[in-house]
């Protein structure tokens, strides 16, 4: 009886397994090769990152009764609380240059965009830790998916500016077209700092807890619910806080000025871009090795 099996010579050869070769030479010794590797990793992770982005976006509020309403609840709740405190006289806020509800909402939207961008790289990578240890795929894919999710949800929240401006009687200036740039600068700075902290956050959970604690106090060190302090300890904190200039410039674009903080805001944005490149480089070099050690 003849066999129906194909000849061995006609069978496709198995794909060779990926081999990681460690050498004593630093990856930074050849920057051009390093950046080519980073660009290739970014390109190869696009489809997986988009698939993870869609999965996480659908699952975010799947078991919630209110669903996507929760996207808008935090900034609305913060605005209502501070508006009530100011109206009741419990907290006395100086002149803000615009109706206080709009002032607080704009500051809250900018702050939450920064804070969520700061925490998302660590959260996304930590949530995918088991998958990262067992499977070989670009390590940056979960981070890109998390950043995409944060950027989209932050952008959707900007819809709240329409009713609050109508309610408060704010007349937006033509410079409002530059507000998305200020908004993206907050996101960029958050991602840059988050990418630097991610390798350490994979090793120690203290980093994520420290960021949560920072979020509670950092908001009050930034003029989110009050105008810039001009004197005292709070004034000194506001002046050395880079987020101050991004928040104030973002507000100024909505009502047409003043743009006193614009030069420093541009400087902070440029530094954030440089910091992002440094953080991405550190991420590319260290995270694969950290994950391999975790899987041993």
Foldseek 3Di string as FASTA:
>chain_A
DDDPDDDPVPDDDDDDDDDDDDDPDDPVVDVVVLVVVLVVQVVQLVVVLVVLLVVCLCPVCVVPPVRLVVLQPVLVVQLVVLVVCCVVVVDPFPDDVFPQSLLLSLLVLLLVLLLQLQLQQQVQLLVCLVVVLPDDGRSCSSVSSSLVNSVVSSVVNCVVSVVVCVVRVADWDPLLVCLVVLSVLSSLLSNLNNLQCNLVCNVDVVVSVVSVVCSVVVSVLECNNHQADCDDPSNVSHVVDLVNLSSQCSVCSGRPDDNPSVVSVVVSSVVSVVSNVVSSSCCVRRVSVVSNVVSD
